[in-house]
Amino acid sequence: MQPLVYTCLSDGLGNQLFQYAIGRALADRIGAELRLDCSCFSGNSSRPFELDAYSIVAERSWDIQKVPTRWFRLPGRIGKPFTAAVHNGVPRRATIHGHSYKVFDEKRIYRFDPSFSTLNGSVYLTGWWQSPRYFESSSESIRRELRLKAPLGRLSRDWLGQIQSVAAVAIHVRRGDYLLSPDRSTCSPAYYDAGMDLVRSRVSEARFFVFSDDPQWCRQHFSRRDTVIIDANGPEGAVADLALMAACRHHVIANSSFSWWGAWLCDAADQIVVAPENWVVGIPTTDDLVARRWQRFYRL
């Protein structure tokens, strides 16, 4: 019987793309059928399921009960590592629609888990998986499946024409929920100034296109003549904004999975990618977050 790979989807578009990508890579490697657990979006989720905009070949399921990753959890300084050691050695299994799966959960965020490379049989994946090392082997099939099924709207097509006519640089500014998060910090104006100056020093006649969930803040902080704010799509236009970001040749990204994908989906050979020094408060931007082909990658 052909093995099955379920990948659990949650949160915004950037996280959904990471979760899909690891599932596609594992399914490709072991010859499995890929399925998407979309049940997180069937209730009162604050984020919509957005992967239907793409040409992804995978069955969707909306009725899966939450899959536990642990049989037990012992408290305390001794109990927690003991719990982890037991479950890392003997993974939990779960039955979904009559089929048994090995549950593989993320142990350390922003770090590649080498044991992923030895997975086989039917597997249920749960985590954020924010490292391209999980799916570089399937980058071609992922790019193929991430083609939009429908054309961009008129305003986005107008912006696309402008982006394609110049040495375009995508600037992503993430504010919104980050303003209230204890472990996230917004990138400062000084970071964007430094990143844009670095690109200006290497790209003649660079033009900067700013994407943000807070365009009003951006209008107050980006005023140079080589910079424009894109606000064609509004808060519900993540898929269109991501396509426009990917069309840019260079990227100054925020500590955000969304802008990470805008940079990864770009196929410019001379691409420059600038990222913040810390992805999360107190956690540096690790090498596991850096795509292998980003030869001109800078942490500021």
C-alpha atoms as a PDB file:
ATOM      1  CA  MET A   1       0.000   0.000   0.000  1.00  0.00           C
ATOM      2  CA  GLN A   2       1.293   3.457  -0.911  1.00  0.00           C
ATOM      3  CA  PRO A   3       2.382   5.435   2.180  1.00  0.00           C
ATOM      4  CA  LEU A   4       0.556   8.632   3.090  1.00  0.00           C
ATOM      5  CA  VAL A   5       1.989  11.900   4.397  1.00  0.00           C
ATOM      6  CA  TYR A   6      -0.212  14.305   6.328  1.00  0.00           C
ATOM      7  CA  THR A   7       1.100  17.780   7.077  1.00  0.00           C
ATOM      8  CA  CYS A   8      -0.724  19.894   9.655  1.00  0.00           C
ATOM      9  CA  LEU A   9      -1.442  23.448   8.469  1.00  0.00           C
ATOM     10  CA  SER A  10      -1.954  26.464  10.729  1.00  0.00           C
ATOM     11  CA  ASP A  11      -1.402  30.215  11.054  1.00  0.00           C
ATOM     12  CA  GLY A  12      -0.789  32.618   8.158  1.00  0.00           C
ATOM     13  CA  LEU A  13       0.265  32.123   4.555  1.00  0.00           C
ATOM     14  CA  GLY A  14       4.004  32.025   5.247  1.00  0.00           C
ATOM     15  CA  ASN A  15       3.658  29.267   7.848  1.00  0.00           C
ATOM     16  CA  GLN A  16       1.224  27.346   5.657  1.00  0.00           C
ATOM     17  CA  LEU A  17       3.820  27.373   2.875  1.00  0.00           C
ATOM     18  CA  PHE A  18       6.557  25.982   5.134  1.00  0.00           C
ATOM     19  CA  GLN A  19       4.185  23.283   6.396  1.00  0.00           C
ATOM     20  CA  TYR A  20       3.134  22.361   2.867  1.00  0.00           C
ATOM     21  CA  ALA A  21       6.747  22.359   1.596  1.00  0.00           C
ATOM     22  CA  ILE A  22       8.040  19.844   4.142  1.00  0.00           C
ATOM     23  CA  GLY A  23       5.091  17.590   3.360  1.00  0.00           C
ATOM     24  CA  ARG A  24       5.739  17.790  -0.375  1.00  0.00           C
ATOM     25  CA  ALA A  25       9.441  17.028   0.115  1.00  0.00           C
ATOM     26  CA  LEU A  26       8.794  13.984   2.308  1.00  0.00           C
ATOM     27  CA  ALA A  27       6.080  12.686  -0.003  1.00  0.00           C
ATOM     28  CA  ASP A  28       8.425  13.050  -2.993  1.00  0.00           C
ATOM     29  CA  ARG A  29      11.274  11.272  -1.201  1.00  0.00           C
ATOM     30  CA  ILE A  30       9.345   8.207  -0.027  1.00  0.00           C
ATOM     31  CA  GLY A  31       6.867   7.973  -2.918  1.00  0.00           C
ATOM     32  CA  ALA A  32       3.864   8.895  -0.769  1.00  0.00           C
ATOM     33  CA  GLU A  33       0.580  10.645  -1.407  1.00  0.00           C
ATOM     34  CA  LEU A  34       0.475  14.104   0.203  1.00  0.00           C
ATOM     35  CA  ARG A  35      -2.539  15.168   2.262  1.00  0.00           C
ATOM     36  CA  LEU A  36      -3.177  18.492   4.007  1.00  0.00           C
ATOM     37  CA  ASP A  37      -4.727  18.630   7.476  1.00  0.00           C
ATOM     38  CA  CYS A  38      -6.748  21.859   7.219  1.00  0.00           C
ATOM     39  CA  SER A  39      -8.887  21.236  10.291  1.00  0.00           C
ATOM     40  CA  CYS A  40      -7.322  24.203  12.106  1.00  0.00           C
ATOM     41  CA  PHE A  41      -9.209  26.468   9.687  1.00  0.00           C
ATOM     42  CA  SER A  42     -12.610  24.804  10.028  1.00  0.00           C
ATOM     43  CA  GLY A  43     -13.420  26.509  13.350  1.00  0.00           C
ATOM     44  CA  ASN A  44     -12.942  30.085  14.471  1.00  0.00           C
ATOM     45  CA  SER A  45      -9.422  30.527  13.142  1.00  0.00           C
ATOM     46  CA  SER A  46      -8.260  34.128  12.855  1.00  0.00           C
ATOM     47  CA  ARG A  47      -6.302  33.179   9.717  1.00  0.00           C
ATOM     48  CA  PRO A  48      -7.812  31.751   6.516  1.00  0.00           C
ATOM     49  CA  PHE A  49      -6.594  28.716   4.607  1.00  0.00           C
ATOM     50  CA  GLU A  50      -4.860  30.249   1.576  1.00  0.00           C
ATOM     51  CA  LEU A  51      -3.189  27.437  -0.326  1.00  0.00           C
ATOM     52  CA  ASP A  52      -6.198  26.895  -2.604  1.00  0.00           C
ATOM     53  CA  ALA A  53      -4.856  29.843  -4.620  1.00  0.00           C
ATOM     54  CA  TYR A  54      -2.015  27.599  -5.804  1.00  0.00           C
ATOM     55  CA  SER A  55      -1.794  24.523  -8.040  1.00  0.00           C
ATOM     56  CA  ILE A  56      -1.010  22.200  -5.133  1.00  0.00           C
ATOM     57  CA  VAL A  57      -1.746  18.519  -5.734  1.00  0.00           C
ATOM     58  CA  ALA A  58      -2.898  17.183  -2.368  1.00  0.00           C
ATOM     59  CA  GLU A  59      -6.120  16.000  -0.769  1.00  0.00           C
ATOM     60  CA  ARG A  60      -7.555  18.358   1.884  1.00  0.00           C
ATOM     61  CA  SER A  61      -9.053  17.131   5.162  1.00  0.00           C
ATOM     62  CA  TRP A  62     -11.116  19.417   7.401  1.00  0.00           C
ATOM     63  CA  ASP A  63     -12.380  17.047  10.093  1.00  0.00           C
ATOM     64  CA  ILE A  64      -9.290  15.639  11.845  1.00  0.00           C
ATOM     65  CA  GLN A  65      -9.244  15.829  15.621  1.00  0.00           C
ATOM     66  CA  LYS A  66      -6.132  17.389  17.134  1.00  0.00           C
ATOM     67  CA  VAL A  67      -3.288  14.864  16.984  1.00  0.00           C
ATOM     68  CA  PRO A  68      -1.304  14.748  20.269  1.00  0.00           C
ATOM     69  CA  THR A  69       2.476  14.537  19.939  1.00  0.00           C
ATOM     70  CA  ARG A  70       3.016  13.115  23.449  1.00  0.00           C
ATOM     71  CA  TRP A  71       1.572  10.204  25.457  1.00  0.00           C
ATOM     72  CA  PHE A  72       2.559  11.897  28.697  1.00  0.00           C
ATOM     73  CA  ARG A  73       4.257  15.091  29.940  1.00  0.00           C
ATOM     74  CA  LEU A  74       6.290  15.042  33.156  1.00  0.00           C
ATOM     75  CA  PRO A  75       6.842  18.463  34.750  1.00  0.00           C
ATOM     76  CA  GLY A  76      10.012  20.006  36.134  1.00  0.00           C
ATOM     77  CA  ARG A  77      13.643  20.303  35.101  1.00  0.00           C
ATOM     78  CA  ILE A  78      14.123  16.537  35.055  1.00  0.00           C
ATOM     79  CA  GLY A  79      10.680  15.599  33.765  1.00  0.00           C
ATOM     80  CA  LYS A  80      10.744  17.685  30.598  1.00  0.00           C
ATOM     81  CA  PRO A  81      13.971  16.283  29.094  1.00  0.00           C
ATOM     82  CA  PHE A  82      12.944  12.763  30.138  1.00  0.00           C
ATOM     83  CA  THR A  83       9.604  13.214  28.381  1.00  0.00           C
ATOM     84  CA  ALA A  84      11.355  14.440  25.243  1.00  0.00           C
ATOM     85  CA  ALA A  85      13.899  11.597  25.287  1.00  0.00           C
ATOM     86  CA  VAL A  86      11.191   8.937  25.535  1.00  0.00           C
ATOM     87  CA  HIS A  87       9.094  10.364  22.749  1.00  0.00           C
ATOM     88  CA  ASN A  88      12.041  11.052  20.481  1.00  0.00           C
ATOM     89  CA  GLY A  89      13.024   7.408  20.807  1.00  0.00           C
ATOM     90  CA  VAL A  90       9.530   5.969  20.532  1.00  0.00           C
ATOM     91  CA  PRO A  91       7.386   8.286  18.372  1.00  0.00           C
ATOM     92  CA  ARG A  92       3.678   8.452  19.012  1.00  0.00           C
ATOM     93  CA  ARG A  93       1.336   6.905  16.466  1.00  0.00           C
ATOM     94  CA  ALA A  94      -2.046   8.248  15.460  1.00  0.00           C
ATOM     95  CA  THR A  95      -4.945   6.755  13.502  1.00  0.00           C
ATOM     96  CA  ILE A  96      -6.596   9.056  10.964  1.00  0.00           C
ATOM     97  CA  HIS A  97      -9.511   7.837   8.850  1.00  0.00           C
ATOM     98  CA  GLY A  98      -8.559   4.247   9.642  1.00  0.00           C
ATOM     99  CA  HIS A  99      -4.879   4.573   8.676  1.00  0.00           C
ATOM    100  CA  SER A 100      -1.968   4.529  11.136  1.00  0.00           C
ATOM    101  CA  TYR A 101       0.663   7.290  11.058  1.00  0.00           C
ATOM    102  CA  LYS A 102       3.944   7.920  12.842  1.00  0.00           C
ATOM    103  CA  VAL A 103       3.708  11.404  14.403  1.00  0.00           C
ATOM    104  CA  PHE A 104       6.795  13.520  13.708  1.00  0.00           C
ATOM    105  CA  ASP A 105       6.779  16.830  15.565  1.00  0.00           C
ATOM    106  CA  GLU A 106       9.191  19.749  15.497  1.00  0.00           C
ATOM    107  CA  LYS A 107      11.657  19.683  18.391  1.00  0.00           C
ATOM    108  CA  ARG A 108      13.447  23.023  17.944  1.00  0.00           C
ATOM    109  CA  ILE A 109      12.024  25.923  15.965  1.00  0.00           C
ATOM    110  CA  TYR A 110      14.244  27.407  13.218  1.00  0.00           C
ATOM    111  CA  ARG A 111      16.539  24.357  13.412  1.00  0.00           C
ATOM    112  CA  PHE A 112      16.739  21.475  10.962  1.00  0.00           C
ATOM    113  CA  ASP A 113      16.146  18.074  12.575  1.00  0.00           C
ATOM    114  CA  PRO A 114      18.457  15.495  10.905  1.00  0.00           C
ATOM    115  CA  SER A 115      16.125  12.655  11.877  1.00  0.00           C
ATOM    116  CA  PHE A 116      13.695  13.978   9.248  1.00  0.00           C
ATOM    117  CA  SER A 117      15.986  12.474   6.613  1.00  0.00           C
ATOM    118  CA  THR A 118      15.354   8.940   7.925  1.00  0.00           C
ATOM    119  CA  LEU A 119      11.543   9.085   8.010  1.00  0.00           C
ATOM    120  CA  ASN A 120       9.661   6.451   6.055  1.00  0.00           C
ATOM    121  CA  GLY A 121       6.209   4.921   5.885  1.00  0.00           C
ATOM    122  CA  SER A 122       3.078   6.928   6.635  1.00  0.00           C
ATOM    123  CA  VAL A 123       3.883  10.086   8.637  1.00  0.00           C
ATOM    124  CA  TYR A 124       1.909  12.930  10.234  1.00  0.00           C
ATOM    125  CA  LEU A 125       3.973  16.153  10.398  1.00  0.00           C
ATOM    126  CA  THR A 126       3.217  18.873  12.941  1.00  0.00           C
ATOM    127  CA  GLY A 127       5.291  22.009  13.467  1.00  0.00           C
ATOM    128  CA  TRP A 128       6.398  25.190  11.692  1.00  0.00           C
ATOM    129  CA  TRP A 129       9.449  23.725   9.866  1.00  0.00           C
ATOM    130  CA  GLN A 130      11.032  27.071   9.038  1.00  0.00           C
ATOM    131  CA  SER A 131      14.170  25.848   7.333  1.00  0.00           C
ATOM    132  CA  PRO A 132      14.669  25.299   3.592  1.00  0.00           C
ATOM    133  CA  ARG A 133      16.858  22.295   4.420  1.00  0.00           C
ATOM    134  CA  TYR A 134      13.651  20.308   4.847  1.00  0.00           C
ATOM    135  CA  PHE A 135      12.556  20.809   1.253  1.00  0.00           C
ATOM    136  CA  GLU A 136      15.469  21.897  -0.960  1.00  0.00           C
ATOM    137  CA  SER A 137      15.430  18.472  -2.626  1.00  0.00           C
ATOM    138  CA  SER A 138      11.920  19.191  -3.937  1.00  0.00           C
ATOM    139  CA  SER A 139      12.328  22.865  -4.801  1.00  0.00           C
ATOM    140  CA  GLU A 140      11.376  22.332  -8.445  1.00  0.00           C
ATOM    141  CA  SER A 141       8.107  20.541  -7.691  1.00  0.00           C
ATOM    142  CA  ILE A 142       7.286  23.080  -4.952  1.00  0.00           C
ATOM    143  CA  ARG A 143       7.798  26.015  -7.324  1.00  0.00           C
ATOM    144  CA  ARG A 144       5.659  24.252  -9.910  1.00  0.00           C
ATOM    145  CA  GLU A 145       2.816  23.715  -7.455  1.00  0.00           C
ATOM    146  CA  LEU A 146       3.044  27.289  -6.148  1.00  0.00           C
ATOM    147  CA  ARG A 147       1.926  28.754  -9.447  1.00  0.00           C
ATOM    148  CA  LEU A 148      -1.232  30.814  -9.049  1.00  0.00           C
ATOM    149  CA  LYS A 149      -4.358  29.211 -10.480  1.00  0.00           C
ATOM    150  CA  ALA A 150      -5.979  32.583 -11.267  1.00  0.00           C
ATOM    151  CA  PRO A 151      -4.412  35.740 -12.725  1.00  0.00           C
ATOM    152  CA  LEU A 152      -3.667  38.722 -10.522  1.00  0.00           C
ATOM    153  CA  GLY A 153      -6.239  41.492 -10.297  1.00  0.00           C
ATOM    154  CA  ARG A 154      -5.937  44.641 -12.390  1.00  0.00           C
ATOM    155  CA  LEU A 155      -4.218  46.798  -9.761  1.00  0.00           C
ATOM    156  CA  SER A 156      -1.711  44.070  -8.962  1.00  0.00           C
ATOM    157  CA  ARG A 157      -0.997  43.573 -12.667  1.00  0.00           C
ATOM    158  CA  ASP A 158      -0.278  47.297 -12.933  1.00  0.00           C
ATOM    159  CA  TRP A 159       2.189  47.051 -10.059  1.00  0.00           C
ATOM    160  CA  LEU A 160       3.723  43.937 -11.602  1.00  0.00           C
ATOM    161  CA  GLY A 161       4.415  45.854 -14.799  1.00  0.00           C
ATOM    162  CA  GLN A 162       6.248  48.545 -12.835  1.00  0.00           C
ATOM    163  CA  ILE A 163       8.236  45.966 -10.850  1.00  0.00           C
ATOM    164  CA  GLN A 164       9.347  44.111 -13.963  1.00  0.00           C
ATOM    165  CA  SER A 165      10.519  47.301 -15.672  1.00  0.00           C
ATOM    166  CA  VAL A 166      13.100  48.332 -13.046  1.00  0.00           C
ATOM    167  CA  ALA A 167      15.715  46.934 -10.644  1.00  0.00           C
ATOM    168  CA  ALA A 168      12.992  46.228  -8.084  1.00  0.00           C
ATOM    169  CA  VAL A 169      13.674  45.642  -4.395  1.00  0.00           C
ATOM    170  CA  ALA A 170      10.915  44.303  -2.130  1.00  0.00           C
ATOM    171  CA  ILE A 171      10.796  45.769   1.384  1.00  0.00           C
ATOM    172  CA  HIS A 172       8.557  43.917   3.825  1.00  0.00           C
ATOM    173  CA  VAL A 173       7.435  45.617   7.040  1.00  0.00           C
ATOM    174  CA  ARG A 174       5.604  43.391   9.528  1.00  0.00           C
ATOM    175  CA  ARG A 175       3.848  45.208  12.358  1.00  0.00           C
ATOM    176  CA  GLY A 176       0.252  44.291  13.289  1.00  0.00           C
ATOM    177  CA  ASP A 177       0.316  41.279  15.619  1.00  0.00           C
ATOM    178  CA  TYR A 178       4.064  41.726  16.251  1.00  0.00           C
ATOM    179  CA  LEU A 179       3.321  44.883  18.246  1.00  0.00           C
ATOM    180  CA  LEU A 180       1.584  42.732  20.874  1.00  0.00           C
ATOM    181  CA  SER A 181       3.872  39.691  20.802  1.00  0.00           C
ATOM    182  CA  PRO A 182       6.257  39.112  23.750  1.00  0.00           C
ATOM    183  CA  ASP A 183       8.774  37.126  21.673  1.00  0.00           C
ATOM    184  CA  ARG A 184       8.630  39.090  18.427  1.00  0.00           C
ATOM    185  CA  SER A 185       9.955  42.548  17.739  1.00  0.00           C
ATOM    186  CA  THR A 186       9.300  44.753  14.746  1.00  0.00           C
ATOM    187  CA  CYS A 187      12.277  45.712  12.618  1.00  0.00           C
ATOM    188  CA  SER A 188      13.366  49.285  13.267  1.00  0.00           C
ATOM    189  CA  PRO A 189      13.549  52.149  10.764  1.00  0.00           C
ATOM    190  CA  ALA A 190      17.342  51.988  11.241  1.00  0.00           C
ATOM    191  CA  TYR A 191      17.343  48.367  10.032  1.00  0.00           C
ATOM    192  CA  TYR A 192      15.435  49.271   6.875  1.00  0.00           C
ATOM    193  CA  ASP A 193      17.633  52.314   6.242  1.00  0.00           C
ATOM    194  CA  ALA A 194      20.763  50.156   6.545  1.00  0.00           C
ATOM    195  CA  GLY A 195      19.338  47.414   4.338  1.00  0.00           C
ATOM    196  CA  MET A 196      18.225  49.815   1.639  1.00  0.00           C
ATOM    197  CA  ASP A 197      21.573  51.641   1.695  1.00  0.00           C
ATOM    198  CA  LEU A 198      23.376  48.306   1.297  1.00  0.00           C
ATOM    199  CA  VAL A 199      21.283  47.480  -1.768  1.00  0.00           C
ATOM    200  CA  ARG A 200      21.755  50.989  -3.172  1.00  0.00           C
ATOM    201  CA  SER A 201      25.516  50.537  -2.897  1.00  0.00           C
ATOM    202  CA  ARG A 202      25.376  47.361  -5.005  1.00  0.00           C
ATOM    203  CA  VAL A 203      22.476  47.962  -7.406  1.00  0.00           C
ATOM    204  CA  SER A 204      22.429  51.049  -9.585  1.00  0.00           C
ATOM    205  CA  GLU A 205      19.036  52.727  -9.952  1.00  0.00           C
ATOM    206  CA  ALA A 206      17.385  50.411  -7.431  1.00  0.00           C
ATOM    207  CA  ARG A 207      13.665  51.008  -6.907  1.00  0.00           C
ATOM    208  CA  PHE A 208      12.076  49.993  -3.614  1.00  0.00           C
ATOM    209  CA  PHE A 209       8.546  48.608  -3.291  1.00  0.00           C
ATOM    210  CA  VAL A 210       7.244  48.485   0.284  1.00  0.00           C
ATOM    211  CA  PHE A 211       4.758  45.803   1.374  1.00  0.00           C
ATOM    212  CA  SER A 212       3.222  46.022   4.841  1.00  0.00           C
ATOM    213  CA  ASP A 213       0.230  45.374   7.069  1.00  0.00           C
ATOM    214  CA  ASP A 214       0.656  48.996   8.214  1.00  0.00           C
ATOM    215  CA  PRO A 215       0.986  51.172   5.086  1.00  0.00           C
ATOM    216  CA  GLN A 216       0.240  54.355   7.038  1.00  0.00           C
ATOM    217  CA  TRP A 217       3.307  53.807   9.247  1.00  0.00           C
ATOM    218  CA  CYS A 218       5.358  53.133   6.135  1.00  0.00           C
ATOM    219  CA  ARG A 219       4.288  56.405   4.510  1.00  0.00           C
ATOM    220  CA  GLN A 220       5.668  58.218   7.540  1.00  0.00           C
ATOM    221  CA  HIS A 221       9.014  56.412   7.488  1.00  0.00           C
ATOM    222  CA  PHE A 222       9.786  55.838   3.784  1.00  0.00           C
ATOM    223  CA  SER A 223       9.872  59.146   1.964  1.00  0.00           C
ATOM    224  CA  ARG A 224      12.749  58.947  -0.522  1.00  0.00           C
ATOM    225  CA  ARG A 225      11.918  59.322  -4.192  1.00  0.00           C
ATOM    226  CA  ASP A 226      13.158  55.838  -5.062  1.00  0.00           C
ATOM    227  CA  THR A 227      10.572  54.216  -2.752  1.00  0.00           C
ATOM    228  CA  VAL A 228       6.842  53.538  -3.179  1.00  0.00           C
ATOM    229  CA  ILE A 229       4.245  51.924  -0.904  1.00  0.00           C
ATOM    230  CA  ILE A 230       2.140  49.146  -2.458  1.00  0.00           C
ATOM    231  CA  ASP A 231      -1.353  49.071  -0.969  1.00  0.00           C
ATOM    232  CA  ALA A 232      -3.318  47.611  -3.857  1.00  0.00           C
ATOM    233  CA  ASN A 233      -4.508  44.446  -2.108  1.00  0.00           C
ATOM    234  CA  GLY A 234      -5.339  45.317   1.489  1.00  0.00           C
ATOM    235  CA  PRO A 235      -5.172  42.956   4.478  1.00  0.00           C
ATOM    236  CA  GLU A 236      -6.885  40.093   2.614  1.00  0.00           C
ATOM    237  CA  GLY A 237      -4.461  40.169  -0.317  1.00  0.00           C
ATOM    238  CA  ALA A 238      -1.550  38.119   1.032  1.00  0.00           C
ATOM    239  CA  VAL A 239      -1.359  35.819  -1.997  1.00  0.00           C
ATOM    240  CA  ALA A 240      -1.206  38.733  -4.456  1.00  0.00           C
ATOM    241  CA  ASP A 241       1.324  40.649  -2.353  1.00  0.00           C
ATOM    242  CA  LEU A 242       3.510  37.552  -2.133  1.00  0.00           C
ATOM    243  CA  ALA A 243       3.452  37.180  -5.918  1.00  0.00           C
ATOM    244  CA  LEU A 244       4.513  40.813  -6.331  1.00  0.00           C
ATOM    245  CA  MET A 245       7.283  40.436  -3.763  1.00  0.00           C
ATOM    246  CA  ALA A 246       8.569  37.344  -5.559  1.00  0.00           C
ATOM    247  CA  ALA A 247       8.660  39.319  -8.825  1.00  0.00           C
ATOM    248  CA  CYS A 248      11.204  41.732  -7.303  1.00  0.00           C
ATOM    249  CA  ARG A 249      14.897  40.999  -7.913  1.00  0.00           C
ATOM    250  CA  HIS A 250      16.159  41.812  -4.414  1.00  0.00           C
ATOM    251  CA  HIS A 251      14.665  41.647  -0.922  1.00  0.00           C
ATOM    252  CA  VAL A 252      14.978  43.342   2.447  1.00  0.00           C
ATOM    253  CA  ILE A 253      12.885  41.020   4.573  1.00  0.00           C
ATOM    254  CA  ALA A 254      11.374  41.260   8.032  1.00  0.00           C
ATOM    255  CA  ASN A 255      11.608  38.535  10.683  1.00  0.00           C
ATOM    256  CA  SER A 256       8.573  37.001   9.027  1.00  0.00           C
ATOM    257  CA  SER A 257       7.899  33.737   7.211  1.00  0.00           C
ATOM    258  CA  PHE A 258       5.777  35.693   4.731  1.00  0.00           C
ATOM    259  CA  SER A 259       8.626  37.874   3.473  1.00  0.00           C
ATOM    260  CA  TRP A 260      10.995  34.868   3.637  1.00  0.00           C
ATOM    261  CA  TRP A 261       8.825  33.196   1.006  1.00  0.00           C
ATOM    262  CA  GLY A 262       8.745  36.359  -1.079  1.00  0.00           C
ATOM    263  CA  ALA A 263      12.532  36.099  -1.277  1.00  0.00           C
ATOM    264  CA  TRP A 264      12.625  32.308  -1.783  1.00  0.00           C
ATOM    265  CA  LEU A 265      10.157  32.373  -4.676  1.00  0.00           C
ATOM    266  CA  CYS A 266      12.279  34.936  -6.526  1.00  0.00           C
ATOM    267  CA  ASP A 267      14.391  33.356  -9.265  1.00  0.00           C
ATOM    268  CA  ALA A 268      16.781  36.233 -10.023  1.00  0.00           C
ATOM    269  CA  ALA A 269      20.342  34.933 -10.347  1.00  0.00           C
ATOM    270  CA  ASP A 270      21.894  38.103  -8.883  1.00  0.00           C
ATOM    271  CA  GLN A 271      19.453  38.326  -5.966  1.00  0.00           C
ATOM    272  CA  ILE A 272      20.466  40.180  -2.782  1.00  0.00           C
ATOM    273  CA  VAL A 273      18.663  39.206   0.430  1.00  0.00           C
ATOM    274  CA  VAL A 274      18.953  41.288   3.603  1.00  0.00           C
ATOM    275  CA  ALA A 275      17.544  39.866   6.858  1.00  0.00           C
ATOM    276  CA  PRO A 276      17.484  41.072  10.478  1.00  0.00           C
ATOM    277  CA  GLU A 277      20.169  39.801  12.842  1.00  0.00           C
ATOM    278  CA  ASN A 278      17.554  38.343  15.213  1.00  0.00           C
ATOM    279  CA  TRP A 279      14.527  36.442  13.918  1.00  0.00           C
ATOM    280  CA  VAL A 280      12.966  36.163  17.382  1.00  0.00           C
ATOM    281  CA  VAL A 281      13.890  38.141  20.492  1.00  0.00           C
ATOM    282  CA  GLY A 282      17.175  36.670  21.711  1.00  0.00           C
ATOM    283  CA  ILE A 283      17.434  34.116  18.878  1.00  0.00           C
ATOM    284  CA  PRO A 284      19.817  34.964  16.016  1.00  0.00           C
ATOM    285  CA  THR A 285      18.867  34.376  12.400  1.00  0.00           C
ATOM    286  CA  THR A 286      20.318  30.874  12.108  1.00  0.00           C
ATOM    287  CA  ASP A 287      22.031  29.384   9.066  1.00  0.00           C
ATOM    288  CA  ASP A 288      19.170  26.859   8.933  1.00  0.00           C
ATOM    289  CA  LEU A 289      16.910  29.726   7.805  1.00  0.00           C
ATOM    290  CA  VAL A 290      19.153  30.652   4.882  1.00  0.00           C
ATOM    291  CA  ALA A 291      18.420  29.164   1.459  1.00  0.00           C
ATOM    292  CA  ARG A 292      21.496  27.530  -0.072  1.00  0.00           C
ATOM    293  CA  ARG A 293      21.281  29.604  -3.254  1.00  0.00           C
ATOM    294  CA  TRP A 294      21.234  32.931  -1.366  1.00  0.00           C
ATOM    295  CA  GLN A 295      24.884  33.646  -2.098  1.00  0.00           C
ATOM    296  CA  ARG A 296      24.453  37.371  -1.392  1.00  0.00           C
ATOM    297  CA  PHE A 297      22.799  37.154   2.030  1.00  0.00           C
ATOM    298  CA  TYR A 298      23.356  39.800   4.720  1.00  0.00           C
ATOM    299  CA  ARG A 299      22.298  39.940   8.371  1.00  0.00           C
ATOM    300  CA  LEU A 300      21.876  43.475   9.724  1.00  0.00           C
END
